[in-house]
Amino acid sequence: MSDDSFLREVEEELRSDKLKAFWKRYAPFIIGGAVLIVLVVAANEAWKWWRDTSAANASERYYAAVALADRGDLGEAQAALKAIANEGPEGYAILARFRAAGLLAEQGNADAAISAYDALSSSLNEIRLRELALILGAYLAVDHLDVAGVEARAGSLTGEENALRNQAREALGLAYYKAGDYEAARQNFEAIAADPAASQDIQMRAFVYLEQLASAGVAVNEELLVPEGELDLGLEPADDPFATPSE
């Protein structure tokens, strides 16, 4: 055996011994790290599966509750929605609470419905959802509370930057009209009619309100009145344009 061959064998033995020593010393950490990675990946996949399965299950339960309500089984629907609100994923739990409040209104229990919307407005983290709950409560309050009750819910939402400003103005305008404060009602309805961002439906209702005020002798901005013959919402003569809009 040549000197070179002998030296190569010695070097290989040394490398092998070093590798064995390294492995013996660090193997538990390397294996543990690998196992941890596998566990994290497995846990993440399990979470995704549970989330997707839970959401799918909650979706089925929610629409089953809606179907119960559509069939007129309001008591069973309320019980099903309450279970989703208590046990379901956050999104469906919130949706169930809104639907349950709406069912209370449909059942004629306006006070309980308003309280349910108030609870939503004070407990939700998402500001837009809180504002939606306030608006829905304000619309109900028009027929069941005084002007102060409507103002408490909708009064802070009329700013130009608020996406629900025209719904807030409508609820306030209706409340003022029912209270006999036609000037305050006019201001709110004119703000809706003049808002280029207002939806067609709510703007057309504002035109009807303003026409009604004008016919009662209130000085309305004529530029915001629709020319005679152009405003046709299919209203029957007996229809009340100041009936509170449905949800």
C-alpha atoms as a PDB file:
ATOM      1  CA  MET A   1       0.000   0.000   0.000  1.00  0.00           C
ATOM      2  CA  SER A   2       1.408   3.391  -0.950  1.00  0.00           C
ATOM      3  CA  ASP A   3       1.795   6.216   1.491  1.00  0.00           C
ATOM      4  CA  ASP A   4      -0.928   8.190  -0.342  1.00  0.00           C
ATOM      5  CA  SER A   5      -3.429   5.365  -0.048  1.00  0.00           C
ATOM      6  CA  PHE A   6      -2.700   4.943   3.641  1.00  0.00           C
ATOM      7  CA  LEU A   7      -3.151   8.662   4.300  1.00  0.00           C
ATOM      8  CA  ARG A   8      -6.477   8.713   2.449  1.00  0.00           C
ATOM      9  CA  GLU A   9      -7.773   5.807   4.540  1.00  0.00           C
ATOM     10  CA  VAL A  10      -6.700   7.559   7.745  1.00  0.00           C
ATOM     11  CA  GLU A  11      -8.444  10.787   6.672  1.00  0.00           C
ATOM     12  CA  GLU A  12     -11.633   8.917   5.808  1.00  0.00           C
ATOM     13  CA  GLU A  13     -11.621   7.198   9.211  1.00  0.00           C
ATOM     14  CA  LEU A  14     -11.139  10.520  10.931  1.00  0.00           C
ATOM     15  CA  ARG A  15     -14.003  12.084   8.946  1.00  0.00           C
ATOM     16  CA  SER A  16     -16.183   9.094   9.741  1.00  0.00           C
ATOM     17  CA  ASP A  17     -15.340   9.306  13.453  1.00  0.00           C
ATOM     18  CA  LYS A  18     -16.065  13.035  13.485  1.00  0.00           C
ATOM     19  CA  LEU A  19     -19.376  12.500  11.712  1.00  0.00           C
ATOM     20  CA  LYS A  20     -20.330   9.773  14.182  1.00  0.00           C
ATOM     21  CA  ALA A  21     -19.402  11.998  17.105  1.00  0.00           C
ATOM     22  CA  PHE A  22     -21.327  14.928  15.639  1.00  0.00           C
ATOM     23  CA  TRP A  23     -24.385  12.764  14.989  1.00  0.00           C
ATOM     24  CA  LYS A  24     -24.202  11.226  18.455  1.00  0.00           C
ATOM     25  CA  ARG A  25     -24.099  14.655  20.020  1.00  0.00           C
ATOM     26  CA  TYR A  26     -26.651  16.511  17.895  1.00  0.00           C
ATOM     27  CA  ALA A  27     -28.965  13.782  16.618  1.00  0.00           C
ATOM     28  CA  PRO A  28     -31.634  14.385  19.308  1.00  0.00           C
ATOM     29  CA  PHE A  29     -31.853  18.053  18.355  1.00  0.00           C
ATOM     30  CA  ILE A  30     -31.907  17.383  14.610  1.00  0.00           C
ATOM     31  CA  ILE A  31     -34.564  14.689  14.942  1.00  0.00           C
ATOM     32  CA  GLY A  32     -36.552  16.815  17.370  1.00  0.00           C
ATOM     33  CA  GLY A  33     -36.470  19.768  14.976  1.00  0.00           C
ATOM     34  CA  ALA A  34     -37.622  17.611  12.084  1.00  0.00           C
ATOM     35  CA  VAL A  35     -40.420  16.144  14.169  1.00  0.00           C
ATOM     36  CA  LEU A  36     -41.461  19.646  15.258  1.00  0.00           C
ATOM     37  CA  ILE A  37     -41.655  20.808  11.641  1.00  0.00           C
ATOM     38  CA  VAL A  38     -43.783  17.789  10.740  1.00  0.00           C
ATOM     39  CA  LEU A  39     -46.047  18.431  13.731  1.00  0.00           C
ATOM     40  CA  VAL A  40     -46.455  22.123  12.850  1.00  0.00           C
ATOM     41  CA  VAL A  41     -47.323  21.308   9.251  1.00  0.00           C
ATOM     42  CA  ALA A  42     -49.721  18.581  10.381  1.00  0.00           C
ATOM     43  CA  ALA A  43     -51.337  20.892  12.923  1.00  0.00           C
ATOM     44  CA  ASN A  44     -51.719  23.630  10.302  1.00  0.00           C
ATOM     45  CA  GLU A  45     -53.366  21.233   7.872  1.00  0.00           C
ATOM     46  CA  ALA A  46     -55.607  19.904  10.626  1.00  0.00           C
ATOM     47  CA  TRP A  47     -56.608  23.487  11.519  1.00  0.00           C
ATOM     48  CA  LYS A  48     -57.411  24.269   7.890  1.00  0.00           C
ATOM     49  CA  TRP A  49     -59.505  21.114   7.641  1.00  0.00           C
ATOM     50  CA  TRP A  50     -61.323  21.905  10.881  1.00  0.00           C
ATOM     51  CA  ARG A  51     -61.917  25.513   9.840  1.00  0.00           C
ATOM     52  CA  ASP A  52     -63.236  24.560   6.423  1.00  0.00           C
ATOM     53  CA  THR A  53     -65.334  21.735   7.836  1.00  0.00           C
ATOM     54  CA  SER A  54     -66.624  23.935  10.641  1.00  0.00           C
ATOM     55  CA  ALA A  55     -67.505  26.732   8.228  1.00  0.00           C
ATOM     56  CA  ALA A  56     -69.241  24.308   5.878  1.00  0.00           C
ATOM     57  CA  ASN A  57     -71.180  22.835   8.778  1.00  0.00           C
ATOM     58  CA  ALA A  58     -72.139  26.290  10.055  1.00  0.00           C
ATOM     59  CA  SER A  59     -73.236  27.310   6.563  1.00  0.00           C
ATOM     60  CA  GLU A  60     -75.526  24.295   6.283  1.00  0.00           C
ATOM     61  CA  ARG A  61     -76.967  24.960   9.727  1.00  0.00           C
ATOM     62  CA  TYR A  62     -77.501  28.647   8.985  1.00  0.00           C
ATOM     63  CA  TYR A  63     -79.355  28.086   5.735  1.00  0.00           C
ATOM     64  CA  ALA A  64     -81.394  25.346   7.352  1.00  0.00           C
ATOM     65  CA  ALA A  65     -82.453  27.912   9.977  1.00  0.00           C
ATOM     66  CA  VAL A  66     -83.310  30.410   7.237  1.00  0.00           C
ATOM     67  CA  ALA A  67     -85.400  27.734   5.532  1.00  0.00           C
ATOM     68  CA  LEU A  68     -87.265  27.167   8.789  1.00  0.00           C
ATOM     69  CA  ALA A  69     -88.017  30.872   8.997  1.00  0.00           C
ATOM     70  CA  ASP A  70     -89.177  30.954   5.383  1.00  0.00           C
ATOM     71  CA  ARG A  71     -91.596  28.129   6.155  1.00  0.00           C
ATOM     72  CA  GLY A  72     -92.977  30.078   9.100  1.00  0.00           C
ATOM     73  CA  ASP A  73     -91.362  27.941  11.806  1.00  0.00           C
ATOM     74  CA  LEU A  74     -90.018  31.049  13.538  1.00  0.00           C
ATOM     75  CA  GLY A  75     -89.609  29.471  16.971  1.00  0.00           C
ATOM     76  CA  GLU A  76     -87.484  26.625  15.604  1.00  0.00           C
ATOM     77  CA  ALA A  77     -85.562  29.055  13.424  1.00  0.00           C
ATOM     78  CA  GLN A  78     -84.767  31.237  16.444  1.00  0.00           C
ATOM     79  CA  ALA A  79     -83.526  28.210  18.390  1.00  0.00           C
ATOM     80  CA  ALA A  80     -81.322  27.116  15.488  1.00  0.00           C
ATOM     81  CA  LEU A  81     -79.905  30.614  15.036  1.00  0.00           C
ATOM     82  CA  LYS A  82     -79.203  30.913  18.749  1.00  0.00           C
ATOM     83  CA  ALA A  83     -77.231  27.659  18.651  1.00  0.00           C
ATOM     84  CA  ILE A  84     -75.145  28.944  15.723  1.00  0.00           C
ATOM     85  CA  ALA A  85     -74.583  32.264  17.494  1.00  0.00           C
ATOM     86  CA  ASN A  86     -73.310  30.407  20.575  1.00  0.00           C
ATOM     87  CA  GLU A  87     -71.301  27.639  18.914  1.00  0.00           C
ATOM     88  CA  GLY A  88     -70.538  28.551  15.302  1.00  0.00           C
ATOM     89  CA  PRO A  89     -67.491  30.235  13.736  1.00  0.00           C
ATOM     90  CA  GLU A  90     -67.375  33.987  14.295  1.00  0.00           C
ATOM     91  CA  GLY A  91     -68.685  35.014  10.861  1.00  0.00           C
ATOM     92  CA  TYR A  92     -71.716  32.752  10.953  1.00  0.00           C
ATOM     93  CA  ALA A  93     -72.290  33.507  14.632  1.00  0.00           C
ATOM     94  CA  ILE A  94     -72.592  37.224  13.817  1.00  0.00           C
ATOM     95  CA  LEU A  95     -74.777  36.514  10.784  1.00  0.00           C
ATOM     96  CA  ALA A  96     -77.046  34.356  12.948  1.00  0.00           C
ATOM     97  CA  ARG A  97     -77.394  37.132  15.526  1.00  0.00           C
ATOM     98  CA  PHE A  98     -78.431  39.630  12.839  1.00  0.00           C
ATOM     99  CA  ARG A  99     -80.946  37.187  11.361  1.00  0.00           C
ATOM    100  CA  ALA A 100     -82.340  36.364  14.784  1.00  0.00           C
ATOM    101  CA  ALA A 101     -82.892  40.067  15.483  1.00  0.00           C
ATOM    102  CA  GLY A 102     -84.669  40.398  12.159  1.00  0.00           C
ATOM    103  CA  LEU A 103     -86.933  37.457  13.016  1.00  0.00           C
ATOM    104  CA  LEU A 104     -87.883  39.121  16.280  1.00  0.00           C
ATOM    105  CA  ALA A 105     -89.048  42.125  14.273  1.00  0.00           C
ATOM    106  CA  GLU A 106     -90.988  39.847  11.907  1.00  0.00           C
ATOM    107  CA  GLN A 107     -92.660  38.250  14.918  1.00  0.00           C
ATOM    108  CA  GLY A 108     -93.819  41.690  16.036  1.00  0.00           C
ATOM    109  CA  ASN A 109     -91.460  41.834  19.000  1.00  0.00           C
ATOM    110  CA  ALA A 110     -89.945  45.187  18.095  1.00  0.00           C
ATOM    111  CA  ASP A 111     -88.606  45.975  21.573  1.00  0.00           C
ATOM    112  CA  ALA A 112     -86.673  42.710  21.692  1.00  0.00           C
ATOM    113  CA  ALA A 113     -85.418  43.241  18.136  1.00  0.00           C
ATOM    114  CA  ILE A 114     -84.183  46.752  18.948  1.00  0.00           C
ATOM    115  CA  SER A 115     -82.442  45.398  22.047  1.00  0.00           C
ATOM    116  CA  ALA A 116     -80.820  42.676  19.930  1.00  0.00           C
ATOM    117  CA  TYR A 117     -79.509  45.224  17.435  1.00  0.00           C
ATOM    118  CA  ASP A 118     -78.291  47.415  20.301  1.00  0.00           C
ATOM    119  CA  ALA A 119     -76.406  44.430  21.719  1.00  0.00           C
ATOM    120  CA  LEU A 120     -74.791  43.828  18.337  1.00  0.00           C
ATOM    121  CA  SER A 121     -73.812  47.481  17.964  1.00  0.00           C
ATOM    122  CA  SER A 122     -72.125  47.491  21.354  1.00  0.00           C
ATOM    123  CA  SER A 123     -70.359  44.126  21.148  1.00  0.00           C
ATOM    124  CA  LEU A 124     -68.977  43.775  17.618  1.00  0.00           C
ATOM    125  CA  ASN A 125     -65.395  44.697  16.764  1.00  0.00           C
ATOM    126  CA  GLU A 126     -65.990  45.575  13.114  1.00  0.00           C
ATOM    127  CA  ILE A 127     -67.157  49.193  12.920  1.00  0.00           C
ATOM    128  CA  ARG A 128     -69.240  48.714   9.752  1.00  0.00           C
ATOM    129  CA  LEU A 129     -71.173  45.885  11.360  1.00  0.00           C
ATOM    130  CA  ARG A 130     -71.738  48.020  14.463  1.00  0.00           C
ATOM    131  CA  GLU A 131     -73.072  50.813  12.264  1.00  0.00           C
ATOM    132  CA  LEU A 132     -75.321  48.400  10.368  1.00  0.00           C
ATOM    133  CA  ALA A 133     -76.807  47.221  13.661  1.00  0.00           C
ATOM    134  CA  LEU A 134     -77.408  50.851  14.670  1.00  0.00           C
ATOM    135  CA  ILE A 135     -79.182  51.605  11.386  1.00  0.00           C
ATOM    136  CA  LEU A 136     -81.413  48.532  11.612  1.00  0.00           C
ATOM    137  CA  GLY A 137     -82.283  49.441  15.191  1.00  0.00           C
ATOM    138  CA  ALA A 138     -82.964  53.040  14.154  1.00  0.00           C
ATOM    139  CA  TYR A 139     -85.404  51.994  11.420  1.00  0.00           C
ATOM    140  CA  LEU A 140     -87.340  49.933  13.956  1.00  0.00           C
ATOM    141  CA  ALA A 141     -87.177  52.753  16.493  1.00  0.00           C
ATOM    142  CA  VAL A 142     -88.995  55.087  14.080  1.00  0.00           C
ATOM    143  CA  ASP A 143     -92.302  53.333  14.795  1.00  0.00           C
ATOM    144  CA  HIS A 144     -91.616  52.151  18.329  1.00  0.00           C
ATOM    145  CA  LEU A 145     -89.528  54.823  20.082  1.00  0.00           C
ATOM    146  CA  ASP A 146     -89.435  58.598  20.162  1.00  0.00           C
ATOM    147  CA  VAL A 147     -87.180  60.877  18.111  1.00  0.00           C
ATOM    148  CA  ALA A 148     -84.487  60.700  20.787  1.00  0.00           C
ATOM    149  CA  GLY A 149     -84.395  56.919  20.417  1.00  0.00           C
ATOM    150  CA  VAL A 150     -83.779  57.223  16.681  1.00  0.00           C
ATOM    151  CA  GLU A 151     -81.221  59.997  17.146  1.00  0.00           C
ATOM    152  CA  ALA A 152     -79.329  57.884  19.691  1.00  0.00           C
ATOM    153  CA  ARG A 153     -78.816  55.222  17.036  1.00  0.00           C
ATOM    154  CA  ALA A 154     -78.591  57.096  13.744  1.00  0.00           C
ATOM    155  CA  GLY A 155     -77.508  60.581  14.780  1.00  0.00           C
ATOM    156  CA  SER A 156     -73.782  59.883  14.635  1.00  0.00           C
ATOM    157  CA  LEU A 157     -73.894  58.231  11.199  1.00  0.00           C
ATOM    158  CA  THR A 158     -74.953  61.142   8.966  1.00  0.00           C
ATOM    159  CA  GLY A 159     -71.453  62.446   8.214  1.00  0.00           C
ATOM    160  CA  GLU A 160     -70.359  62.657   4.587  1.00  0.00           C
ATOM    161  CA  GLU A 161     -67.670  60.040   5.141  1.00  0.00           C
ATOM    162  CA  ASN A 162     -70.096  57.425   6.432  1.00  0.00           C
ATOM    163  CA  ALA A 163     -71.242  54.768   3.954  1.00  0.00           C
ATOM    164  CA  LEU A 164     -74.621  54.478   5.715  1.00  0.00           C
ATOM    165  CA  ARG A 165     -75.257  58.207   5.967  1.00  0.00           C
ATOM    166  CA  ASN A 166     -78.343  58.181   3.757  1.00  0.00           C
ATOM    167  CA  GLN A 167     -79.967  55.330   5.657  1.00  0.00           C
ATOM    168  CA  ALA A 168     -79.317  57.291   8.839  1.00  0.00           C
ATOM    169  CA  ARG A 169     -80.790  60.433   7.281  1.00  0.00           C
ATOM    170  CA  GLU A 170     -83.849  58.507   6.149  1.00  0.00           C
ATOM    171  CA  ALA A 171     -84.493  57.061   9.605  1.00  0.00           C
ATOM    172  CA  LEU A 172     -84.074  60.500  11.165  1.00  0.00           C
ATOM    173  CA  GLY A 173     -86.242  62.179   8.536  1.00  0.00           C
ATOM    174  CA  LEU A 174     -89.042  59.678   9.113  1.00  0.00           C
ATOM    175  CA  ALA A 175     -88.781  60.105  12.891  1.00  0.00           C
ATOM    176  CA  TYR A 176     -88.921  63.897  12.604  1.00  0.00           C
ATOM    177  CA  TYR A 177     -91.857  63.729  10.204  1.00  0.00           C
ATOM    178  CA  LYS A 178     -93.833  61.450  12.529  1.00  0.00           C
ATOM    179  CA  ALA A 179     -93.036  63.842  15.407  1.00  0.00           C
ATOM    180  CA  GLY A 180     -94.319  66.810  13.394  1.00  0.00           C
ATOM    181  CA  ASP A 181     -90.910  68.427  12.921  1.00  0.00           C
ATOM    182  CA  TYR A 182     -91.264  68.924   9.167  1.00  0.00           C
ATOM    183  CA  GLU A 183     -88.292  71.269   8.867  1.00  0.00           C
ATOM    184  CA  ALA A 184     -85.856  68.723  10.327  1.00  0.00           C
ATOM    185  CA  ALA A 185     -87.445  66.050   8.154  1.00  0.00           C
ATOM    186  CA  ARG A 186     -86.977  68.219   5.056  1.00  0.00           C
ATOM    187  CA  GLN A 187     -83.302  68.781   5.795  1.00  0.00           C
ATOM    188  CA  ASN A 188     -82.624  65.076   6.017  1.00  0.00           C
ATOM    189  CA  PHE A 189     -84.607  64.154   2.909  1.00  0.00           C
ATOM    190  CA  GLU A 190     -83.003  66.955   0.887  1.00  0.00           C
ATOM    191  CA  ALA A 191     -79.556  65.742   1.958  1.00  0.00           C
ATOM    192  CA  ILE A 192     -80.409  62.309   0.538  1.00  0.00           C
ATOM    193  CA  ALA A 193     -81.854  63.714  -2.695  1.00  0.00           C
ATOM    194  CA  ALA A 194     -78.773  65.883  -3.246  1.00  0.00           C
ATOM    195  CA  ASP A 195     -76.231  63.151  -2.505  1.00  0.00           C
ATOM    196  CA  PRO A 196     -74.762  61.864  -5.809  1.00  0.00           C
ATOM    197  CA  ALA A 197     -73.609  58.705  -4.018  1.00  0.00           C
ATOM    198  CA  ALA A 198     -77.107  57.804  -2.814  1.00  0.00           C
ATOM    199  CA  SER A 199     -78.553  54.616  -4.256  1.00  0.00           C
ATOM    200  CA  GLN A 200     -81.434  54.984  -6.699  1.00  0.00           C
ATOM    201  CA  ASP A 201     -83.911  53.311  -4.364  1.00  0.00           C
ATOM    202  CA  ILE A 202     -83.283  55.534  -1.357  1.00  0.00           C
ATOM    203  CA  GLN A 203     -83.030  58.654  -3.516  1.00  0.00           C
ATOM    204  CA  MET A 204     -86.400  57.918  -5.124  1.00  0.00           C
ATOM    205  CA  ARG A 205     -87.925  57.479  -1.688  1.00  0.00           C
ATOM    206  CA  ALA A 206     -86.448  60.850  -0.692  1.00  0.00           C
ATOM    207  CA  PHE A 207     -88.161  62.441  -3.709  1.00  0.00           C
ATOM    208  CA  VAL A 208     -91.477  60.953  -2.577  1.00  0.00           C
ATOM    209  CA  TYR A 209     -90.962  62.268   0.964  1.00  0.00           C
ATOM    210  CA  LEU A 210     -90.142  65.742  -0.347  1.00  0.00           C
ATOM    211  CA  GLU A 211     -93.187  65.750  -2.616  1.00  0.00           C
ATOM    212  CA  GLN A 212     -95.312  64.856   0.381  1.00  0.00           C
ATOM    213  CA  LEU A 213     -93.780  67.655   2.445  1.00  0.00           C
ATOM    214  CA  ALA A 214     -94.260  70.144  -0.394  1.00  0.00           C
ATOM    215  CA  SER A 215     -97.921  69.176  -0.692  1.00  0.00           C
ATOM    216  CA  ALA A 216     -98.249  69.845   3.045  1.00  0.00           C
ATOM    217  CA  GLY A 217     -96.980  73.398   2.527  1.00  0.00           C
ATOM    218  CA  VAL A 218     -93.344  72.906   3.534  1.00  0.00           C
ATOM    219  CA  ALA A 219     -90.883  75.017   1.525  1.00  0.00           C
ATOM    220  CA  VAL A 220     -88.817  72.416  -0.311  1.00  0.00           C
ATOM    221  CA  ASN A 221     -85.883  73.080  -2.628  1.00  0.00           C
ATOM    222  CA  GLU A 222     -87.633  72.865  -6.008  1.00  0.00           C
ATOM    223  CA  GLU A 223     -84.422  71.771  -7.701  1.00  0.00           C
ATOM    224  CA  LEU A 224     -84.686  68.542  -5.728  1.00  0.00           C
ATOM    225  CA  LEU A 225     -88.256  67.838  -6.790  1.00  0.00           C
ATOM    226  CA  VAL A 226     -88.829  65.493  -9.703  1.00  0.00           C
ATOM    227  CA  PRO A 227     -90.907  67.066 -12.509  1.00  0.00           C
ATOM    228  CA  GLU A 228     -94.533  65.973 -12.507  1.00  0.00           C
ATOM    229  CA  GLY A 229     -95.036  62.693 -14.331  1.00  0.00           C
ATOM    230  CA  GLU A 230     -91.441  61.518 -13.936  1.00  0.00           C
ATOM    231  CA  LEU A 231     -91.820  60.086 -10.447  1.00  0.00           C
ATOM    232  CA  ASP A 232     -93.620  56.773 -10.634  1.00  0.00           C
ATOM    233  CA  LEU A 233     -92.840  54.230  -7.941  1.00  0.00           C
ATOM    234  CA  GLY A 234     -95.984  52.222  -8.451  1.00  0.00           C
ATOM    235  CA  LEU A 235     -97.571  53.566  -5.266  1.00  0.00           C
ATOM    236  CA  GLU A 236    -101.276  53.097  -4.802  1.00  0.00           C
ATOM    237  CA  PRO A 237    -103.231  56.114  -3.539  1.00  0.00           C
ATOM    238  CA  ALA A 238    -103.620  54.490  -0.126  1.00  0.00           C
ATOM    239  CA  ASP A 239     -99.908  53.735   0.259  1.00  0.00           C
ATOM    240  CA  ASP A 240     -98.135  55.634   3.009  1.00  0.00           C
ATOM    241  CA  PRO A 241     -94.783  56.975   1.724  1.00  0.00           C
ATOM    242  CA  PHE A 242     -93.723  57.501   5.319  1.00  0.00           C
ATOM    243  CA  ALA A 243     -94.071  53.850   6.287  1.00  0.00           C
ATOM    244  CA  THR A 244     -90.777  52.648   7.722  1.00  0.00           C
ATOM    245  CA  PRO A 245     -88.718  50.845   5.031  1.00  0.00           C
ATOM    246  CA  SER A 246     -88.256  47.141   5.567  1.00  0.00           C
ATOM    247  CA  GLU A 247     -84.828  45.695   6.259  1.00  0.00           C
END
